[in-house]
Amino acid sequence: MNIKVCGITQIKQLQQLESLNIDFVGFIFDPNSPRYVGDKLDKKQIKGADYDLKKVGVFVNPSYSDLLDAIEDYGLDVVQLHGEESPEMCEDLSDSVEVIKVFHIDETVTSIDELVAPYDMACDYYLFDTKTSSAKGGTGKQFDWSIIAKAKIEKPFFLSGGIGVDDIAKIKAFKHPDFYGVDVNSKFETEPGVKDMAKVLQLKVAFK
């Protein structure tokens, strides 16, 4: 199972995640996030480093030009789109990078397959996160995974939203043929943007 650690703001922690063989690492480009990458990381250092992990830029309703600039400046391998980005934008981006389209889930969502259908041919992965009234991610809240388990989906997807080390058994018990990985953030932090590497290691060891 693949592990994505999101909200990195320190080059040292990026290097530690590389040494732990983490698969995906997320940099948040939303200025409203407490984990906004902003000027915290040297873009040239990130772009020039020889990492095996995939560098993911996390965006909320960006302009197309801002996306292209970030892909170039940071050497991003993947973009993760949390807003109302169109299937056309996702498809255009897929010529340059892999695309993760995020869907926010709450009790009002009745059909996952209907929700994702417009993006079926437009992106590489889905990510299912918890819907809240005020934030697009990093909330520490979890949605009911059973609605995902019942859906066809037919594309690799990540589970996200309030996942912590206490959920390892629940993750192992979750079954779906397209379940690709977990995306973790706030439950693996000592403060926003600073990861608890002992917890990350615990997760990695659990899924070796």
N, C-alpha and C. Protein backbone atom coordinates (compact mmCIF):
# COMPACT_ATOMS: atom_id res chain seq x y z
N MET A 1 0.83 -1.19 0.00
CA MET A 1 0.00 0.00 0.00
C MET A 1 0.87 1.25 0.00
N ASN A 2 0.46 2.24 -0.77
CA ASN A 2 1.21 3.48 -0.88
C ASN A 2 0.86 4.45 0.25
N ILE A 3 1.87 5.20 0.67
CA ILE A 3 1.68 6.18 1.74
C ILE A 3 2.04 7.56 1.20
N LYS A 4 1.13 8.50 1.40
CA LYS A 4 1.36 9.90 1.04
C LYS A 4 1.33 10.73 2.32
N VAL A 5 2.40 11.46 2.57
CA VAL A 5 2.47 12.36 3.73
C VAL A 5 2.34 13.77 3.20
N CYS A 6 1.33 14.48 3.68
CA CYS A 6 1.01 15.80 3.13
C CYS A 6 1.35 16.91 4.12
N GLY A 7 1.61 18.11 3.57
CA GLY A 7 1.83 19.27 4.41
C GLY A 7 3.25 19.46 4.88
N ILE A 8 4.22 19.10 4.05
CA ILE A 8 5.64 19.22 4.43
C ILE A 8 6.09 20.68 4.27
N THR A 9 6.82 21.17 5.27
CA THR A 9 7.31 22.55 5.23
C THR A 9 8.80 22.67 5.55
N GLN A 10 9.48 21.53 5.77
CA GLN A 10 10.90 21.56 6.13
C GLN A 10 11.70 20.62 5.24
N ILE A 11 12.84 21.10 4.74
CA ILE A 11 13.65 20.27 3.86
C ILE A 11 14.20 19.05 4.60
N LYS A 12 14.52 19.22 5.88
CA LYS A 12 15.03 18.09 6.66
C LYS A 12 13.99 16.98 6.73
N GLN A 13 12.73 17.35 6.93
CA GLN A 13 11.69 16.33 7.02
C GLN A 13 11.44 15.68 5.66
N LEU A 14 11.59 16.43 4.60
CA LEU A 14 11.49 15.84 3.27
C LEU A 14 12.56 14.77 3.08
N GLN A 15 13.76 15.08 3.51
CA GLN A 15 14.86 14.11 3.41
C GLN A 15 14.61 12.88 4.28
N GLN A 16 14.02 13.09 5.45
CA GLN A 16 13.70 11.96 6.33
C GLN A 16 12.64 11.06 5.70
N LEU A 17 11.65 11.65 5.07
CA LEU A 17 10.61 10.86 4.41
C LEU A 17 11.19 10.07 3.23
N GLU A 18 12.13 10.66 2.53
CA GLU A 18 12.82 9.95 1.46
C GLU A 18 13.55 8.73 2.02
N SER A 19 14.22 8.90 3.16
CA SER A 19 14.96 7.79 3.76
C SER A 19 14.04 6.69 4.28
N LEU A 20 12.79 7.05 4.58
CA LEU A 20 11.80 6.06 5.04
C LEU A 20 11.09 5.38 3.86
N ASN A 21 11.46 5.76 2.65
CA ASN A 21 10.84 5.20 1.44
C ASN A 21 9.34 5.49 1.37
N ILE A 22 8.95 6.69 1.81
CA ILE A 22 7.58 7.13 1.63
C ILE A 22 7.34 7.36 0.14
N ASP A 23 6.14 7.06 -0.33
CA ASP A 23 5.88 7.04 -1.77
C ASP A 23 5.56 8.42 -2.36
N PHE A 24 4.74 9.19 -1.65
CA PHE A 24 4.31 10.50 -2.12
C PHE A 24 4.46 11.51 -0.97
N VAL A 25 4.88 12.73 -1.30
CA VAL A 25 4.97 13.80 -0.31
C VAL A 25 4.28 15.04 -0.86
N GLY A 26 3.39 15.62 -0.04
CA GLY A 26 2.60 16.75 -0.50
C GLY A 26 3.07 18.09 0.02
N PHE A 27 3.11 19.07 -0.89
CA PHE A 27 3.42 20.46 -0.55
C PHE A 27 2.16 21.29 -0.81
N ILE A 28 1.70 22.00 0.18
CA ILE A 28 0.42 22.71 0.08
C ILE A 28 0.64 24.13 -0.43
N PHE A 29 -0.01 24.45 -1.55
CA PHE A 29 0.13 25.75 -2.19
C PHE A 29 -1.08 26.65 -1.95
N ASP A 30 -1.93 26.27 -1.02
CA ASP A 30 -3.09 27.09 -0.67
C ASP A 30 -2.68 28.09 0.42
N PRO A 31 -2.69 29.40 0.13
CA PRO A 31 -2.25 30.39 1.12
C PRO A 31 -3.08 30.40 2.40
N ASN A 32 -4.29 29.83 2.35
CA ASN A 32 -5.15 29.81 3.53
C ASN A 32 -4.81 28.66 4.49
N SER A 33 -3.92 27.78 4.09
CA SER A 33 -3.56 26.63 4.93
C SER A 33 -2.45 27.01 5.90
N PRO A 34 -2.51 26.49 7.15
CA PRO A 34 -1.39 26.70 8.08
C PRO A 34 -0.12 25.96 7.63
N ARG A 35 -0.26 25.10 6.62
CA ARG A 35 0.89 24.35 6.09
C ARG A 35 1.31 24.88 4.72
N TYR A 36 0.91 26.10 4.43
CA TYR A 36 1.25 26.73 3.15
C TYR A 36 2.77 26.73 2.96
N VAL A 37 3.20 26.18 1.83
CA VAL A 37 4.64 26.01 1.61
C VAL A 37 5.35 27.35 1.42
N GLY A 38 4.64 28.32 0.79
CA GLY A 38 5.14 29.68 0.67
C GLY A 38 6.63 29.78 0.45
N ASP A 39 7.29 30.49 1.35
CA ASP A 39 8.73 30.65 1.28
C ASP A 39 9.47 29.71 2.24
N LYS A 40 8.77 28.70 2.75
CA LYS A 40 9.37 27.81 3.76
C LYS A 40 10.40 26.86 3.17
N LEU A 41 10.26 26.54 1.89
CA LEU A 41 11.15 25.58 1.26
C LEU A 41 11.82 26.19 0.04
N ASP A 42 13.06 25.83 -0.17
CA ASP A 42 13.84 26.31 -1.31
C ASP A 42 13.41 25.54 -2.55
N LYS A 43 12.70 26.21 -3.43
CA LYS A 43 12.17 25.52 -4.61
C LYS A 43 13.26 24.92 -5.49
N LYS A 44 14.40 25.59 -5.59
CA LYS A 44 15.50 25.07 -6.41
C LYS A 44 16.08 23.80 -5.79
N GLN A 45 16.15 23.78 -4.45
CA GLN A 45 16.67 22.60 -3.77
C GLN A 45 15.75 21.40 -3.96
N ILE A 46 14.45 21.66 -3.91
CA ILE A 46 13.47 20.58 -4.11
C ILE A 46 13.52 20.08 -5.55
N LYS A 47 13.56 21.01 -6.48
CA LYS A 47 13.56 20.62 -7.88
C LYS A 47 14.81 19.85 -8.26
N GLY A 48 15.95 20.26 -7.71
CA GLY A 48 17.22 19.67 -8.11
C GLY A 48 17.59 18.39 -7.41
N ALA A 49 16.87 18.05 -6.33
CA ALA A 49 17.22 16.86 -5.55
C ALA A 49 16.79 15.58 -6.27
N ASP A 50 17.56 14.53 -6.07
CA ASP A 50 17.27 13.24 -6.69
C ASP A 50 16.48 12.38 -5.71
N TYR A 51 15.16 12.58 -5.69
CA TYR A 51 14.28 11.85 -4.78
C TYR A 51 13.57 10.72 -5.53
N ASP A 52 13.39 9.60 -4.83
CA ASP A 52 12.58 8.52 -5.39
C ASP A 52 11.09 8.77 -5.15
N LEU A 53 10.77 9.48 -4.08
CA LEU A 53 9.37 9.78 -3.78
C LEU A 53 8.79 10.74 -4.82
N LYS A 54 7.48 10.73 -4.95
CA LYS A 54 6.82 11.63 -5.88
C LYS A 54 6.43 12.92 -5.16
N LYS A 55 6.79 14.04 -5.76
CA LYS A 55 6.49 15.35 -5.18
C LYS A 55 5.12 15.82 -5.69
N VAL A 56 4.23 16.07 -4.74
CA VAL A 56 2.85 16.40 -5.05
C VAL A 56 2.56 17.84 -4.64
N GLY A 57 2.08 18.64 -5.57
CA GLY A 57 1.62 19.98 -5.24
C GLY A 57 0.13 19.96 -4.99
N VAL A 58 -0.28 20.50 -3.84
CA VAL A 58 -1.68 20.48 -3.43
C VAL A 58 -2.28 21.88 -3.61
N PHE A 59 -3.35 21.98 -4.40
CA PHE A 59 -3.92 23.26 -4.78
C PHE A 59 -5.44 23.29 -4.56
N VAL A 60 -5.96 24.51 -4.38
CA VAL A 60 -7.40 24.73 -4.28
C VAL A 60 -7.79 25.81 -5.29
N ASN A 61 -8.47 25.41 -6.33
CA ASN A 61 -8.94 26.34 -7.37
C ASN A 61 -7.83 27.26 -7.90
N PRO A 62 -6.72 26.69 -8.34
CA PRO A 62 -5.64 27.52 -8.87
C PRO A 62 -5.93 27.95 -10.32
N SER A 63 -5.21 28.95 -10.77
CA SER A 63 -5.25 29.25 -12.21
C SER A 63 -4.33 28.24 -12.91
N TYR A 64 -4.59 28.05 -14.18
CA TYR A 64 -3.78 27.09 -14.94
C TYR A 64 -2.32 27.55 -15.00
N SER A 65 -2.11 28.85 -15.15
CA SER A 65 -0.74 29.37 -15.22
C SER A 65 0.00 29.20 -13.90
N ASP A 66 -0.70 29.37 -12.77
CA ASP A 66 -0.06 29.15 -11.47
C ASP A 66 0.35 27.69 -11.30
N LEU A 67 -0.48 26.79 -11.79
CA LEU A 67 -0.13 25.37 -11.73
C LEU A 67 1.12 25.08 -12.55
N LEU A 68 1.17 25.59 -13.75
CA LEU A 68 2.33 25.35 -14.60
C LEU A 68 3.61 25.93 -13.99
N ASP A 69 3.48 27.12 -13.38
CA ASP A 69 4.64 27.73 -12.73
C ASP A 69 5.15 26.87 -11.59
N ALA A 70 4.23 26.37 -10.75
CA ALA A 70 4.63 25.55 -9.61
C ALA A 70 5.24 24.23 -10.06
N ILE A 71 4.67 23.62 -11.09
CA ILE A 71 5.23 22.37 -11.63
C ILE A 71 6.67 22.58 -12.07
N GLU A 72 6.91 23.70 -12.74
CA GLU A 72 8.26 24.00 -13.23
C GLU A 72 9.19 24.38 -12.08
N ASP A 73 8.75 25.26 -11.19
CA ASP A 73 9.62 25.78 -10.13
C ASP A 73 10.03 24.72 -9.12
N TYR A 74 9.11 23.80 -8.81
CA TYR A 74 9.38 22.80 -7.77
C TYR A 74 9.67 21.41 -8.33
N GLY A 75 9.58 21.27 -9.65
CA GLY A 75 9.78 19.95 -10.25
C GLY A 75 8.75 18.94 -9.78
N LEU A 76 7.48 19.36 -9.74
CA LEU A 76 6.41 18.50 -9.23
C LEU A 76 6.17 17.33 -10.17
N ASP A 77 5.91 16.18 -9.58
CA ASP A 77 5.55 14.97 -10.34
C ASP A 77 4.04 14.80 -10.46
N VAL A 78 3.32 15.35 -9.49
CA VAL A 78 1.88 15.15 -9.36
C VAL A 78 1.25 16.46 -8.89
N VAL A 79 0.03 16.75 -9.35
CA VAL A 79 -0.76 17.83 -8.76
C VAL A 79 -2.02 17.22 -8.16
N GLN A 80 -2.40 17.75 -7.01
CA GLN A 80 -3.59 17.28 -6.29
C GLN A 80 -4.55 18.45 -6.19
N LEU A 81 -5.74 18.29 -6.74
CA LEU A 81 -6.69 19.40 -6.90
C LEU A 81 -7.87 19.23 -5.95
N HIS A 82 -8.01 20.19 -5.02
CA HIS A 82 -9.00 20.11 -3.94
C HIS A 82 -10.24 20.95 -4.18
N GLY A 83 -10.27 21.73 -5.26
CA GLY A 83 -11.39 22.64 -5.44
C GLY A 83 -12.40 22.17 -6.45
N GLU A 84 -12.90 23.12 -7.24
CA GLU A 84 -13.92 22.81 -8.24
C GLU A 84 -13.30 22.77 -9.64
N GLU A 85 -12.07 22.28 -9.71
CA GLU A 85 -11.37 22.22 -11.00
C GLU A 85 -12.13 21.31 -11.98
N SER A 86 -12.16 21.73 -13.23
CA SER A 86 -12.95 21.02 -14.23
C SER A 86 -12.22 19.77 -14.74
N PRO A 87 -12.98 18.82 -15.28
CA PRO A 87 -12.34 17.68 -15.92
C PRO A 87 -11.42 18.11 -17.06
N GLU A 88 -11.77 19.19 -17.75
CA GLU A 88 -10.93 19.67 -18.85
C GLU A 88 -9.57 20.13 -18.35
N MET A 89 -9.55 20.83 -17.21
CA MET A 89 -8.27 21.25 -16.63
C MET A 89 -7.44 20.05 -16.23
N CYS A 90 -8.08 19.07 -15.60
CA CYS A 90 -7.36 17.86 -15.20
C CYS A 90 -6.76 17.15 -16.41
N GLU A 91 -7.54 17.07 -17.47
CA GLU A 91 -7.06 16.37 -18.67
C GLU A 91 -5.89 17.12 -19.31
N ASP A 92 -5.98 18.45 -19.34
CA ASP A 92 -4.89 19.25 -19.90
C ASP A 92 -3.61 19.06 -19.08
N LEU A 93 -3.74 19.04 -17.76
CA LEU A 93 -2.57 18.88 -16.89
C LEU A 93 -1.93 17.52 -17.02
N SER A 94 -2.73 16.52 -17.34
CA SER A 94 -2.23 15.15 -17.37
C SER A 94 -1.20 14.93 -18.47
N ASP A 95 -1.06 15.89 -19.37
CA ASP A 95 0.00 15.81 -20.38
C ASP A 95 1.37 16.09 -19.75
N SER A 96 1.39 16.79 -18.61
CA SER A 96 2.64 17.21 -17.97
C SER A 96 2.96 16.45 -16.70
N VAL A 97 1.94 16.13 -15.90
CA VAL A 97 2.11 15.49 -14.60
C VAL A 97 0.97 14.51 -14.36
N GLU A 98 1.13 13.70 -13.32
CA GLU A 98 0.00 12.90 -12.86
C GLU A 98 -0.96 13.80 -12.09
N VAL A 99 -2.24 13.45 -12.12
CA VAL A 99 -3.27 14.29 -11.50
C VAL A 99 -4.08 13.47 -10.50
N ILE A 100 -4.17 13.99 -9.27
CA ILE A 100 -5.06 13.45 -8.24
C ILE A 100 -6.23 14.41 -8.09
N LYS A 101 -7.44 13.95 -8.34
CA LYS A 101 -8.62 14.79 -8.11
C LYS A 101 -9.25 14.39 -6.78
N VAL A 102 -9.48 15.41 -5.96
CA VAL A 102 -10.01 15.19 -4.62
C VAL A 102 -11.53 15.37 -4.60
N PHE A 103 -12.20 14.48 -3.87
CA PHE A 103 -13.64 14.59 -3.65
C PHE A 103 -13.89 14.60 -2.15
N HIS A 104 -14.70 15.58 -1.71
CA HIS A 104 -14.98 15.75 -0.29
C HIS A 104 -16.30 15.07 0.05
N ILE A 105 -16.24 14.19 1.04
CA ILE A 105 -17.36 13.30 1.33
C ILE A 105 -18.01 13.64 2.67
N ASP A 106 -19.33 13.70 2.67
CA ASP A 106 -20.09 13.77 3.92
C ASP A 106 -21.36 12.95 3.75
N GLU A 107 -22.29 13.08 4.69
CA GLU A 107 -23.48 12.24 4.67
C GLU A 107 -24.43 12.56 3.52
N THR A 108 -24.23 13.69 2.84
CA THR A 108 -25.11 14.05 1.72
C THR A 108 -24.73 13.32 0.43
N VAL A 109 -23.52 12.75 0.38
CA VAL A 109 -23.08 12.03 -0.82
C VAL A 109 -23.71 10.64 -0.81
N THR A 110 -24.48 10.35 -1.85
CA THR A 110 -25.17 9.06 -1.91
C THR A 110 -24.56 8.10 -2.93
N SER A 111 -23.86 8.64 -3.93
CA SER A 111 -23.26 7.78 -4.95
C SER A 111 -21.86 8.28 -5.30
N ILE A 112 -20.87 7.52 -4.90
CA ILE A 112 -19.48 7.86 -5.25
C ILE A 112 -19.28 7.76 -6.76
N ASP A 113 -19.85 6.75 -7.37
CA ASP A 113 -19.64 6.54 -8.81
C ASP A 113 -20.20 7.70 -9.63
N GLU A 114 -21.35 8.25 -9.24
CA GLU A 114 -21.89 9.41 -9.94
C GLU A 114 -21.01 10.64 -9.70
N LEU A 115 -20.47 10.76 -8.51
CA LEU A 115 -19.62 11.90 -8.15
C LEU A 115 -18.36 11.95 -9.00
N VAL A 116 -17.73 10.79 -9.22
CA VAL A 116 -16.45 10.77 -9.92
C VAL A 116 -16.58 10.63 -11.43
N ALA A 117 -17.74 10.27 -11.91
CA ALA A 117 -17.92 9.93 -13.33
C ALA A 117 -17.37 10.98 -14.30
N PRO A 118 -17.58 12.29 -14.08
CA PRO A 118 -17.07 13.27 -15.05
C PRO A 118 -15.55 13.27 -15.18
N TYR A 119 -14.86 12.74 -14.16
CA TYR A 119 -13.39 12.77 -14.14
C TYR A 119 -12.77 11.43 -14.52
N ASP A 120 -13.60 10.50 -14.97
CA ASP A 120 -13.13 9.13 -15.21
C ASP A 120 -11.95 9.07 -16.18
N MET A 121 -11.99 9.89 -17.22
CA MET A 121 -10.93 9.88 -18.23
C MET A 121 -9.97 11.06 -18.08
N ALA A 122 -10.10 11.82 -17.00
CA ALA A 122 -9.38 13.10 -16.91
C ALA A 122 -8.25 13.12 -15.90
N CYS A 123 -8.12 12.10 -15.06
CA CYS A 123 -7.09 12.14 -14.03
C CYS A 123 -6.53 10.73 -13.79
N ASP A 124 -5.49 10.67 -12.97
CA ASP A 124 -4.79 9.40 -12.73
C ASP A 124 -5.25 8.70 -11.45
N TYR A 125 -5.61 9.52 -10.45
CA TYR A 125 -6.03 8.99 -9.15
C TYR A 125 -7.18 9.83 -8.63
N TYR A 126 -7.98 9.21 -7.75
CA TYR A 126 -8.92 9.95 -6.92
C TYR A 126 -8.40 9.97 -5.50
N LEU A 127 -8.84 10.97 -4.75
CA LEU A 127 -8.58 11.01 -3.31
C LEU A 127 -9.88 11.41 -2.63
N PHE A 128 -10.28 10.63 -1.64
CA PHE A 128 -11.53 10.89 -0.92
C PHE A 128 -11.20 11.44 0.46
N ASP A 129 -11.68 12.66 0.73
CA ASP A 129 -11.38 13.37 1.97
C ASP A 129 -12.69 13.74 2.65
N THR A 130 -12.58 14.22 3.87
CA THR A 130 -13.76 14.60 4.65
C THR A 130 -14.21 16.00 4.29
N LYS A 131 -15.50 16.15 4.03
CA LYS A 131 -16.05 17.47 3.73
C LYS A 131 -16.38 18.21 5.02
N THR A 132 -15.89 19.43 5.10
CA THR A 132 -16.25 20.31 6.22
C THR A 132 -16.68 21.65 5.66
N SER A 133 -17.25 22.47 6.52
CA SER A 133 -17.78 23.76 6.06
C SER A 133 -16.69 24.79 5.81
N SER A 134 -15.51 24.60 6.43
CA SER A 134 -14.53 25.68 6.41
C SER A 134 -13.17 25.33 5.81
N ALA A 135 -12.85 24.05 5.68
CA ALA A 135 -11.50 23.68 5.25
C ALA A 135 -11.56 22.64 4.15
N LYS A 136 -10.51 22.64 3.31
CA LYS A 136 -10.42 21.69 2.20
C LYS A 136 -9.53 20.50 2.51
N GLY A 137 -8.99 20.43 3.72
CA GLY A 137 -8.12 19.31 4.09
C GLY A 137 -7.38 19.61 5.37
N GLY A 138 -6.73 18.58 5.93
CA GLY A 138 -5.98 18.76 7.16
C GLY A 138 -6.84 19.04 8.37
N THR A 139 -8.09 18.54 8.34
CA THR A 139 -9.03 18.85 9.42
C THR A 139 -8.94 17.86 10.59
N GLY A 140 -8.35 16.69 10.35
CA GLY A 140 -8.31 15.67 11.39
C GLY A 140 -9.62 14.93 11.57
N LYS A 141 -10.57 15.14 10.64
CA LYS A 141 -11.88 14.50 10.75
C LYS A 141 -12.00 13.39 9.70
N GLN A 142 -12.75 12.36 10.06
CA GLN A 142 -12.85 11.16 9.21
C GLN A 142 -14.29 10.96 8.76
N PHE A 143 -14.47 10.54 7.51
CA PHE A 143 -15.80 10.23 7.01
C PHE A 143 -16.03 8.72 7.07
N ASP A 144 -17.25 8.31 6.78
CA ASP A 144 -17.62 6.89 6.82
C ASP A 144 -17.12 6.20 5.55
N TRP A 145 -16.13 5.33 5.70
CA TRP A 145 -15.53 4.68 4.54
C TRP A 145 -16.44 3.67 3.86
N SER A 146 -17.53 3.30 4.49
CA SER A 146 -18.38 2.24 3.92
C SER A 146 -18.96 2.64 2.57
N ILE A 147 -19.19 3.95 2.37
CA ILE A 147 -19.74 4.39 1.08
C ILE A 147 -18.72 4.17 -0.04
N ILE A 148 -17.43 4.22 0.29
CA ILE A 148 -16.38 3.95 -0.70
C ILE A 148 -16.33 2.46 -1.00
N ALA A 149 -16.42 1.66 0.04
CA ALA A 149 -16.32 0.20 -0.13
C ALA A 149 -17.41 -0.34 -1.04
N LYS A 150 -18.56 0.33 -1.08
CA LYS A 150 -19.69 -0.15 -1.88
C LYS A 150 -19.65 0.33 -3.33
N ALA A 151 -18.73 1.25 -3.65
CA ALA A 151 -18.68 1.84 -4.98
C ALA A 151 -17.75 1.06 -5.91
N LYS A 152 -17.99 1.17 -7.21
CA LYS A 152 -17.12 0.51 -8.20
C LYS A 152 -15.80 1.27 -8.36
N ILE A 153 -15.86 2.57 -8.58
CA ILE A 153 -14.74 3.51 -8.69
C ILE A 153 -13.87 3.21 -9.92
N GLU A 154 -13.17 2.07 -9.95
CA GLU A 154 -12.39 1.63 -11.12
C GLU A 154 -11.26 2.59 -11.49
N LYS A 155 -10.66 3.19 -10.47
CA LYS A 155 -9.46 4.01 -10.64
C LYS A 155 -8.72 3.98 -9.31
N PRO A 156 -7.38 3.97 -9.32
CA PRO A 156 -6.64 3.94 -8.04
C PRO A 156 -7.04 5.15 -7.19
N PHE A 157 -7.28 4.90 -5.89
CA PHE A 157 -7.68 6.01 -5.03
C PHE A 157 -6.98 5.96 -3.68
N PHE A 158 -6.86 7.15 -3.09
CA PHE A 158 -6.35 7.33 -1.74
C PHE A 158 -7.50 7.60 -0.80
N LEU A 159 -7.37 7.10 0.43
CA LEU A 159 -8.25 7.49 1.52
C LEU A 159 -7.55 8.57 2.33
N SER A 160 -8.29 9.60 2.72
CA SER A 160 -7.72 10.69 3.48
C SER A 160 -8.76 11.16 4.50
N GLY A 161 -8.32 12.05 5.39
CA GLY A 161 -9.23 12.64 6.36
C GLY A 161 -9.13 12.00 7.73
N GLY A 162 -8.36 12.61 8.62
CA GLY A 162 -8.31 12.19 10.02
C GLY A 162 -7.70 10.83 10.26
N ILE A 163 -6.84 10.36 9.38
CA ILE A 163 -6.22 9.05 9.55
C ILE A 163 -5.01 9.18 10.47
N GLY A 164 -4.98 8.31 11.51
CA GLY A 164 -3.86 8.30 12.45
C GLY A 164 -3.35 6.88 12.67
N VAL A 165 -2.35 6.73 13.52
CA VAL A 165 -1.79 5.40 13.77
C VAL A 165 -2.82 4.47 14.40
N ASP A 166 -3.80 5.04 15.09
CA ASP A 166 -4.85 4.21 15.69
C ASP A 166 -5.75 3.56 14.65
N ASP A 167 -5.63 4.00 13.40
CA ASP A 167 -6.47 3.46 12.32
C ASP A 167 -5.78 2.37 11.51
N ILE A 168 -4.61 1.94 11.91
CA ILE A 168 -3.87 0.95 11.12
C ILE A 168 -4.69 -0.33 10.93
N ALA A 169 -5.29 -0.84 11.97
CA ALA A 169 -6.10 -2.05 11.85
C ALA A 169 -7.31 -1.81 10.94
N LYS A 170 -7.92 -0.64 11.05
CA LYS A 170 -9.07 -0.30 10.20
C LYS A 170 -8.67 -0.23 8.73
N ILE A 171 -7.49 0.33 8.47
CA ILE A 171 -6.99 0.41 7.09
C ILE A 171 -6.75 -0.99 6.53
N LYS A 172 -6.15 -1.85 7.34
CA LYS A 172 -5.88 -3.22 6.88
C LYS A 172 -7.17 -3.99 6.62
N ALA A 173 -8.21 -3.65 7.34
CA ALA A 173 -9.49 -4.35 7.18
C ALA A 173 -10.31 -3.82 6.01
N PHE A 174 -9.97 -2.62 5.54
CA PHE A 174 -10.72 -2.00 4.44
C PHE A 174 -10.37 -2.70 3.12
N LYS A 175 -11.39 -3.12 2.40
CA LYS A 175 -11.18 -3.87 1.16
C LYS A 175 -11.86 -3.18 -0.02
N HIS A 176 -11.06 -2.95 -1.05
CA HIS A 176 -11.59 -2.48 -2.34
C HIS A 176 -10.50 -2.74 -3.38
N PRO A 177 -10.86 -3.25 -4.55
CA PRO A 177 -9.83 -3.60 -5.54
C PRO A 177 -9.01 -2.41 -6.04
N ASP A 178 -9.53 -1.19 -5.90
CA ASP A 178 -8.80 -0.02 -6.39
C ASP A 178 -8.18 0.82 -5.27
N PHE A 179 -8.23 0.32 -4.05
CA PHE A 179 -7.63 1.03 -2.91
C PHE A 179 -6.12 1.06 -3.10
N TYR A 180 -5.58 2.26 -3.29
CA TYR A 180 -4.18 2.43 -3.68
C TYR A 180 -3.29 2.90 -2.54
N GLY A 181 -3.84 3.72 -1.65
CA GLY A 181 -2.99 4.24 -0.58
C GLY A 181 -3.74 5.13 0.39
N VAL A 182 -3.01 5.59 1.41
CA VAL A 182 -3.56 6.52 2.39
C VAL A 182 -2.80 7.84 2.31
N ASP A 183 -3.52 8.89 2.60
CA ASP A 183 -2.96 10.24 2.64
C ASP A 183 -3.07 10.72 4.09
N VAL A 184 -1.94 11.02 4.72
CA VAL A 184 -1.96 11.41 6.13
C VAL A 184 -1.40 12.81 6.29
N ASN A 185 -1.89 13.47 7.36
CA ASN A 185 -1.47 14.85 7.58
C ASN A 185 -1.53 15.19 9.06
N SER A 186 -2.63 15.77 9.52
CA SER A 186 -2.66 16.40 10.84
C SER A 186 -2.46 15.43 12.00
N LYS A 187 -2.90 14.18 11.85
CA LYS A 187 -2.76 13.21 12.94
C LYS A 187 -1.33 12.68 13.06
N PHE A 188 -0.46 13.14 12.18
CA PHE A 188 0.96 12.75 12.20
C PHE A 188 1.86 13.96 12.44
N GLU A 189 1.34 14.94 13.19
CA GLU A 189 2.07 16.18 13.41
C GLU A 189 2.26 16.48 14.89
N THR A 190 3.32 17.22 15.17
CA THR A 190 3.51 17.81 16.49
C THR A 190 2.98 19.24 16.50
N GLU A 191 2.94 19.86 15.33
CA GLU A 191 2.31 21.16 15.09
C GLU A 191 2.09 21.27 13.60
N PRO A 192 1.24 22.19 13.12
CA PRO A 192 0.97 22.26 11.68
C PRO A 192 2.24 22.40 10.85
N GLY A 193 2.43 21.46 9.93
CA GLY A 193 3.59 21.48 9.04
C GLY A 193 4.82 20.77 9.57
N VAL A 194 4.76 20.27 10.80
CA VAL A 194 5.89 19.55 11.40
C VAL A 194 5.46 18.13 11.72
N LYS A 195 6.02 17.15 11.03
CA LYS A 195 5.57 15.78 11.17
C LYS A 195 6.27 15.07 12.33
N ASP A 196 5.54 14.14 12.93
CA ASP A 196 6.08 13.25 13.96
C ASP A 196 6.62 12.02 13.24
N MET A 197 7.93 11.98 13.05
CA MET A 197 8.51 10.93 12.23
C MET A 197 8.39 9.55 12.88
N ALA A 198 8.28 9.50 14.18
CA ALA A 198 8.08 8.20 14.85
C ALA A 198 6.74 7.59 14.42
N LYS A 199 5.73 8.43 14.31
CA LYS A 199 4.42 7.95 13.86
C LYS A 199 4.45 7.56 12.39
N VAL A 200 5.14 8.34 11.58
CA VAL A 200 5.27 7.99 10.15
C VAL A 200 5.97 6.64 10.01
N LEU A 201 7.02 6.43 10.78
CA LEU A 201 7.74 5.15 10.75
C LEU A 201 6.82 4.02 11.18
N GLN A 202 6.03 4.26 12.20
CA GLN A 202 5.09 3.22 12.67
C GLN A 202 4.12 2.82 11.57
N LEU A 203 3.64 3.80 10.82
CA LEU A 203 2.72 3.52 9.71
C LEU A 203 3.43 2.75 8.62
N LYS A 204 4.65 3.18 8.29
CA LYS A 204 5.40 2.52 7.22
C LYS A 204 5.69 1.07 7.57
N VAL A 205 6.11 0.82 8.79
CA VAL A 205 6.42 -0.54 9.23
C VAL A 205 5.18 -1.44 9.17
N ALA A 206 4.03 -0.86 9.50
CA ALA A 206 2.79 -1.63 9.52
C ALA A 206 2.39 -2.14 8.13
N PHE A 207 2.86 -1.45 7.09
CA PHE A 207 2.46 -1.84 5.72
C PHE A 207 3.62 -2.26 4.85
N LYS A 208 4.70 -2.72 5.47
CA LYS A 208 5.82 -3.25 4.70
C LYS A 208 5.42 -4.49 3.94
